[in-house]
Structures are given as structure tokens and as C-alpha cells.
Amino acid sequence: MISISKKLIGFLIVPAIFFSFTKLPDRADFSGEWKLNEGKSDLGQMANYEPRTIKIIQTADSISITKTAPGFTGEDVTTSETLTYDGKETKTTVFGTSTKTSSSKWSDDGQTLTITYDLMLDFNGQQTDIKGTETFTLADGGKTLVSQNNSTSSFGDIQAKGIYEK
């Protein structure tokens, strides 16, 4: 009986010691103020509406993203959202009665953040539902933020790749 409990204790303690020294991967830090480099970006049909600046505040538990982009009537529109990394959905008002429901998730290696969203646009009672993903990665030693946006709606499938620099 004693040898079984010694083996059981050894079976439980050895993995605990091993995992206490195992470090989770470092996450990319997207914090900063980023400006669109149109010449390096591949914006396709979203060129007129791609955010010109993105400000990101990243903590251990959440990420706050503020984007400023040209609006449909020509004026700049600023939107903000704060997302947690646990997959919990966050609903924000983007303008008027249009809403965006988003959640975020890290890649296993901690280098890519994927934001899944459902954007319900409302233009004077005309509604359009846009579903998509936006992924953030860093390039050029952390000096460049790459935003890959893929969406589907009644307008079709749209891809846009924004290259942002500090």
C-alpha cells in the first residue's frame, strides 16, 4: 500500500514540477499608434474605407482597438472596441444604429490575434449583414502591423490587407 501511494505521489509531482517551468509562448504586442501605408497595402475594393490609423492598447487580459477611417459621406469616423481573449463576444455601436459583435482569440504560438466579427450595417432601414475575420500580425521586427480582413456579405467576398507602420 505504501509503495502504491509513493508511486502515485511521484506520478503527480513530477508533471507538476515539469509544467511549472514550462512557459506559455510570448504574445505579440500590438500596442501603439499605427498609420496606413497605402503603397504597401492591398486594399482592393475597400481602399476608400480602410482605416487610416489604428491605435491599440494591449493588456494581459484585453485589447482596445480604435480605428479612424473615411466615412461613407467623406468625414472621418472613429470606432473603438475592447475585446477579451477568452472568446467572449463584445457588442459595440459603430455609427447610428449599426452594430458590431466581435470576439478575439490568440493563435497557439501567440503571434497572431484573430478577431471574428458580425457587422450589422443599417442605412435608413436598409440592413446588410457582414461576417468576417481580421487577423493582426507583426512584421519587420515589430515595426509593421499587418491587418488581413476577410468578409462575406450580400456584396460578395472581400479581402483587404492593410500594412500599418508606427
Protein backbone atom coordinates (compact mmCIF):
# COMPACT_ATOMS: atom_id res chain seq x y z
CA MET A 1 0.00 0.00 0.00
CA ILE A 2 2.85 2.37 0.82
CA SER A 3 4.63 1.73 -2.48
CA ILE A 4 1.42 2.48 -4.42
CA SER A 5 0.96 5.83 -2.68
CA LYS A 6 4.64 6.69 -3.24
CA LYS A 7 4.23 5.90 -6.94
CA LEU A 8 1.03 7.94 -7.09
CA ILE A 9 2.70 10.91 -5.42
CA GLY A 10 5.66 10.62 -7.81
CA PHE A 11 3.24 10.37 -10.75
CA LEU A 12 1.56 13.63 -9.67
CA ILE A 13 4.60 15.61 -8.52
CA VAL A 14 6.93 15.04 -11.48
CA PRO A 15 4.48 16.51 -14.07
CA ALA A 16 3.68 19.42 -11.71
CA ILE A 17 7.37 20.29 -11.44
CA PHE A 18 7.86 19.92 -15.21
CA PHE A 19 4.90 22.15 -16.09
CA SER A 20 5.87 24.78 -13.53
CA PHE A 21 8.96 25.50 -15.66
CA THR A 22 7.08 25.36 -18.96
CA LYS A 23 6.41 28.87 -20.19
CA LEU A 24 3.47 29.87 -22.35
CA PRO A 25 4.51 31.46 -25.63
CA ASP A 26 5.09 35.22 -25.54
CA ARG A 27 2.28 37.07 -27.23
CA ALA A 28 2.94 39.64 -29.90
CA ASP A 29 2.46 43.17 -28.59
CA PHE A 30 0.36 45.22 -31.00
CA SER A 31 0.29 48.29 -28.73
CA GLY A 32 0.94 51.63 -30.39
CA GLU A 33 -0.32 54.11 -32.91
CA TRP A 34 -0.22 52.75 -36.44
CA LYS A 35 -0.56 54.64 -39.73
CA LEU A 36 -1.67 53.03 -43.00
CA ASN A 37 0.98 52.71 -45.71
CA GLU A 38 -1.27 52.64 -48.78
CA GLY A 39 1.62 51.89 -51.13
CA LYS A 40 2.42 48.62 -49.37
CA SER A 41 -1.21 47.62 -48.73
CA ASP A 42 -3.50 45.52 -50.91
CA LEU A 43 -6.90 47.04 -50.14
CA GLY A 44 -8.88 46.10 -53.23
CA GLN A 45 -12.40 47.48 -53.25
CA MET A 46 -12.05 48.59 -49.60
CA ALA A 47 -9.37 51.21 -50.38
CA ASN A 48 -11.72 54.14 -49.76
CA TYR A 49 -12.87 52.81 -46.36
CA GLU A 50 -9.76 51.21 -44.87
CA PRO A 51 -8.77 52.75 -41.50
CA ARG A 52 -6.02 55.33 -41.94
CA THR A 53 -4.91 54.99 -38.32
CA ILE A 54 -5.22 52.29 -35.69
CA LYS A 55 -4.44 52.86 -32.02
CA ILE A 56 -4.04 49.73 -29.90
CA ILE A 57 -3.74 49.40 -26.14
CA GLN A 58 -2.98 45.81 -25.18
CA THR A 59 -3.00 44.35 -21.67
CA ALA A 60 -2.65 40.80 -20.37
CA ASP A 61 -6.44 40.34 -20.41
CA SER A 62 -7.76 42.53 -23.22
CA ILE A 63 -7.05 44.63 -26.28
CA SER A 64 -8.58 48.03 -27.06
CA ILE A 65 -8.63 48.99 -30.72
CA THR A 66 -9.51 52.46 -32.01
CA LYS A 67 -9.72 52.93 -35.78
CA THR A 68 -10.17 56.13 -37.75
CA ALA A 69 -11.37 55.69 -41.33
CA PRO A 70 -13.06 57.76 -44.02
CA GLY A 71 -16.84 57.57 -43.67
CA PHE A 72 -19.37 56.99 -46.43
CA THR A 73 -20.03 60.74 -46.62
CA GLY A 74 -16.36 61.73 -46.63
CA GLU A 75 -15.83 62.68 -42.98
CA ASP A 76 -13.56 60.67 -40.69
CA VAL A 77 -15.29 58.10 -38.49
CA THR A 78 -13.65 56.77 -35.33
CA THR A 79 -14.73 53.46 -33.80
CA SER A 80 -13.46 51.75 -30.64
CA GLU A 81 -13.86 48.32 -29.13
CA THR A 82 -12.30 46.45 -26.24
CA LEU A 83 -12.04 42.67 -26.59
CA THR A 84 -11.04 39.99 -24.12
CA TYR A 85 -9.04 36.93 -25.20
CA ASP A 86 -11.45 34.36 -23.82
CA GLY A 87 -13.74 34.34 -26.87
CA LYS A 88 -16.45 36.35 -25.11
CA GLU A 89 -18.44 38.48 -27.56
CA THR A 90 -18.43 42.27 -27.31
CA LYS A 91 -21.13 44.37 -28.96
CA THR A 92 -20.39 47.96 -29.99
CA THR A 93 -22.23 50.64 -31.93
CA VAL A 94 -20.19 51.66 -34.94
CA PHE A 95 -22.36 54.53 -36.15
CA GLY A 96 -26.07 55.36 -35.97
CA THR A 97 -27.86 52.08 -35.28
CA SER A 98 -25.21 49.91 -36.97
CA THR A 99 -23.63 47.40 -34.58
CA LYS A 100 -20.62 45.13 -34.49
CA THR A 101 -20.36 41.95 -32.43
CA SER A 102 -16.77 40.71 -32.07
CA SER A 103 -14.62 38.19 -30.24
CA SER A 104 -10.88 37.58 -30.29
CA LYS A 105 -8.59 34.59 -29.97
CA TRP A 106 -4.80 34.13 -29.95
CA SER A 107 -3.03 31.60 -32.17
CA ASP A 108 -1.26 28.78 -30.34
CA ASP A 109 2.12 30.49 -30.79
CA GLY A 110 0.80 33.86 -29.57
CA GLN A 111 1.89 35.71 -32.71
CA THR A 112 -1.50 36.16 -34.41
CA LEU A 113 -4.68 37.63 -32.97
CA THR A 114 -7.86 36.73 -34.86
CA ILE A 115 -10.96 38.86 -34.43
CA THR A 116 -14.20 37.30 -35.61
CA TYR A 117 -17.00 39.78 -36.23
CA ASP A 118 -20.58 40.22 -37.36
CA LEU A 119 -21.24 43.75 -38.58
CA MET A 120 -24.90 44.74 -38.99
CA LEU A 121 -24.96 47.89 -41.11
CA ASP A 122 -28.15 49.94 -41.05
CA PHE A 123 -28.61 52.67 -43.66
CA ASN A 124 -32.02 54.28 -43.20
CA GLY A 125 -33.68 50.94 -42.52
CA GLN A 126 -31.72 49.02 -45.17
CA GLN A 127 -29.74 46.37 -43.32
CA THR A 128 -26.70 44.48 -44.53
CA ASP A 129 -25.01 41.74 -42.51
CA ILE A 130 -21.25 41.39 -42.95
CA LYS A 131 -19.46 38.45 -41.34
CA GLY A 132 -15.70 38.28 -41.27
CA THR A 133 -12.35 37.86 -39.62
CA GLU A 134 -9.50 40.25 -39.12
CA THR A 135 -6.06 38.95 -38.19
CA PHE A 136 -3.27 41.02 -36.71
CA THR A 137 0.39 40.01 -37.05
CA LEU A 138 3.64 41.91 -36.69
CA ALA A 139 6.37 42.12 -39.32
CA ASP A 140 9.68 43.91 -39.75
CA GLY A 141 10.80 43.32 -36.17
CA GLY A 142 7.56 44.71 -34.73
CA LYS A 143 7.67 47.96 -36.74
CA THR A 144 4.83 46.89 -39.04
CA LEU A 145 1.29 45.79 -38.22
CA VAL A 146 -0.36 43.60 -40.85
CA SER A 147 -4.16 43.56 -40.79
CA GLN A 148 -5.74 40.89 -43.01
CA ASN A 149 -9.50 41.32 -43.29
CA ASN A 150 -11.74 38.74 -44.98
CA SER A 151 -15.51 39.23 -45.10
CA THR A 152 -18.65 37.87 -46.68
CA SER A 153 -21.90 39.74 -47.29
CA SER A 154 -24.51 40.39 -49.97
CA PHE A 155 -21.74 42.41 -51.65
CA GLY A 156 -19.73 39.19 -52.06
CA ASP A 157 -16.44 38.05 -50.60
CA ILE A 158 -13.98 40.83 -49.87
CA GLN A 159 -10.31 40.68 -48.84
CA ALA A 160 -8.16 43.60 -47.77
CA LYS A 161 -4.61 43.62 -46.44
CA GLY A 162 -3.58 46.78 -44.61
CA ILE A 163 0.07 47.48 -43.82
CA TYR A 164 0.49 49.90 -40.90
CA GLU A 165 3.67 51.47 -39.58
CA LYS A 166 4.49 53.16 -36.29
